[in-house]
Amino acid sequence: MKTLLIAMGLLAATTLTAFAAEPAKTVETKAGKVLATEKGLTLYTFDKDAKGKSNCDADCLKKWPAFHADAKAKAEGKWSLVKASDGKDMWAYDGKPLYTFAKDTKEGETTGDGVGGVWHVVK
């Protein structure tokens, strides 16, 4: 019985941890610690977006791909979902839609930070 209770406790703990996983991770860059995709690509916000709304159109998304969410994604805490201009769900952090930068090809690159004065890494 004791073994069964321990096993159930471990199962509950690992299940809760799996549901609480955030869609991004933190990586160290020359700009300090920033949020990044699972592959380590830096995430950015766009000053022209409204809270909870992406204003990056189809041409914009070619250079600044949306950080898309999978079909089973659920908003939690500071993480929410908004529609990208391509109609797909994308992640937002603290209400701000998130993007990668097409010229960032390696983990930790931040070449998009400050572009046009409107793109910023997410710390």
Protein backbone atom coordinates (compact mmCIF):
# COMPACT_ATOMS: atom_id res chain seq x y z
CA MET A 1 0.00 0.00 0.00
CA LYS A 2 2.82 2.38 0.89
CA THR A 3 4.46 1.69 -2.49
CA LEU A 4 1.19 2.42 -4.27
CA LEU A 5 0.82 5.76 -2.48
CA ILE A 6 4.40 6.74 -3.33
CA ALA A 7 3.87 5.77 -6.99
CA MET A 8 0.64 7.80 -7.14
CA GLY A 9 2.39 10.79 -5.58
CA LEU A 10 5.23 10.59 -8.11
CA LEU A 11 2.77 10.29 -10.99
CA ALA A 12 0.83 13.33 -9.78
CA ALA A 13 4.00 15.37 -9.34
CA THR A 14 5.33 14.57 -12.82
CA THR A 15 1.94 15.16 -14.43
CA LEU A 16 1.58 18.57 -12.80
CA THR A 17 5.10 19.47 -13.86
CA ALA A 18 4.32 18.51 -17.46
CA PHE A 19 1.22 20.70 -17.56
CA ALA A 20 3.08 23.63 -16.01
CA ALA A 21 5.87 23.61 -18.59
CA GLU A 22 6.35 26.97 -20.27
CA PRO A 23 6.51 27.18 -24.07
CA ALA A 24 9.92 28.88 -24.02
CA LYS A 25 13.20 28.59 -22.19
CA THR A 26 15.80 31.08 -20.99
CA VAL A 27 19.17 31.29 -22.75
CA GLU A 28 22.28 33.34 -22.03
CA THR A 29 23.16 35.89 -24.73
CA LYS A 30 25.33 38.98 -25.11
CA ALA A 31 22.16 40.90 -24.17
CA GLY A 32 21.85 38.86 -20.96
CA LYS A 33 19.28 36.15 -20.25
CA VAL A 34 16.42 36.16 -22.76
CA LEU A 35 13.45 33.99 -23.62
CA ALA A 36 13.99 31.60 -26.52
CA THR A 37 12.30 28.79 -28.40
CA GLU A 38 13.02 25.16 -27.54
CA LYS A 39 15.76 25.30 -30.22
CA GLY A 40 17.31 28.34 -28.52
CA LEU A 41 16.21 31.00 -31.02
CA THR A 42 15.72 34.35 -29.31
CA LEU A 43 12.17 35.66 -28.92
CA TYR A 44 11.24 39.26 -29.69
CA THR A 45 8.37 41.69 -29.20
CA PHE A 46 7.20 44.30 -31.71
CA ASP A 47 6.33 47.81 -30.46
CA LYS A 48 3.59 48.20 -33.08
CA ASP A 49 1.59 45.28 -31.66
CA ALA A 50 -1.33 45.97 -29.36
CA LYS A 51 -1.68 44.02 -26.13
CA GLY A 52 -3.11 40.65 -27.15
CA LYS A 53 -3.02 41.47 -30.90
CA SER A 54 -0.35 40.94 -33.55
CA ASN A 55 0.10 43.73 -36.10
CA CYS A 56 2.88 41.94 -37.99
CA ASP A 57 1.40 41.33 -41.48
CA ALA A 58 2.33 38.61 -43.99
CA ASP A 59 5.40 40.50 -45.27
CA CYS A 60 6.51 41.19 -41.72
CA LEU A 61 6.16 37.49 -40.80
CA LYS A 62 8.68 36.60 -43.52
CA LYS A 63 11.43 38.34 -41.53
CA TRP A 64 9.84 37.91 -38.11
CA PRO A 65 8.22 34.46 -37.96
CA ALA A 66 5.52 34.11 -35.32
CA PHE A 67 6.31 31.88 -32.35
CA HIS A 68 3.48 29.49 -33.21
CA ALA A 69 1.74 27.37 -30.61
CA ASP A 70 0.76 23.78 -31.24
CA ALA A 71 -2.91 22.80 -31.45
CA LYS A 72 -3.04 21.57 -27.84
CA ALA A 73 -1.44 24.69 -26.33
CA LYS A 74 -3.19 26.28 -23.36
CA ALA A 75 -2.71 29.77 -21.97
CA GLU A 76 -1.40 29.87 -18.41
CA GLY A 77 -0.01 32.59 -16.17
CA LYS A 78 1.79 35.25 -18.22
CA TRP A 79 1.51 33.05 -21.33
CA SER A 80 -1.44 33.60 -23.67
CA LEU A 81 -2.42 32.82 -27.25
CA VAL A 82 -3.18 35.35 -29.99
CA LYS A 83 -3.79 35.01 -33.72
CA ALA A 84 -0.94 35.74 -36.11
CA SER A 85 -1.81 37.35 -39.44
CA ASP A 86 -1.47 33.87 -41.00
CA GLY A 87 -4.46 32.80 -38.89
CA LYS A 88 -2.49 30.43 -36.67
CA ASP A 89 -2.22 30.69 -32.89
CA MET A 90 0.99 32.21 -31.62
CA TRP A 91 2.36 32.67 -28.12
CA ALA A 92 2.25 35.97 -26.30
CA TYR A 93 4.08 36.78 -23.07
CA ASP A 94 2.46 39.28 -20.74
CA GLY A 95 0.04 40.06 -23.58
CA LYS A 96 2.79 40.79 -26.13
CA PRO A 97 2.94 38.53 -29.22
CA LEU A 98 6.28 36.77 -29.68
CA TYR A 99 8.41 36.33 -32.79
CA THR A 100 11.77 34.95 -33.86
CA PHE A 101 14.06 36.75 -36.33
CA ALA A 102 14.89 35.09 -39.67
CA LYS A 103 18.54 36.20 -39.47
CA ASP A 104 19.03 34.48 -36.09
CA THR A 105 20.18 30.97 -36.99
CA LYS A 106 22.04 29.84 -33.85
CA GLU A 107 21.09 29.55 -30.21
CA GLY A 108 21.59 32.80 -28.34
CA GLU A 109 21.90 35.11 -31.36
CA THR A 110 20.19 38.48 -30.82
CA THR A 111 20.73 40.18 -34.18
CA GLY A 112 17.11 41.38 -34.22
CA ASP A 113 17.37 43.36 -30.99
CA GLY A 114 16.72 47.04 -31.71
CA VAL A 115 15.95 46.61 -35.43
CA GLY A 116 14.04 49.67 -36.61
CA GLY A 117 13.86 50.77 -32.99
CA VAL A 118 10.72 48.59 -32.60
CA TRP A 119 11.98 45.02 -32.06
CA HIS A 120 13.22 43.93 -28.64
CA VAL A 121 14.47 40.74 -26.99
CA VAL A 122 12.24 39.38 -24.22
CA LYS A 123 13.94 39.27 -20.83
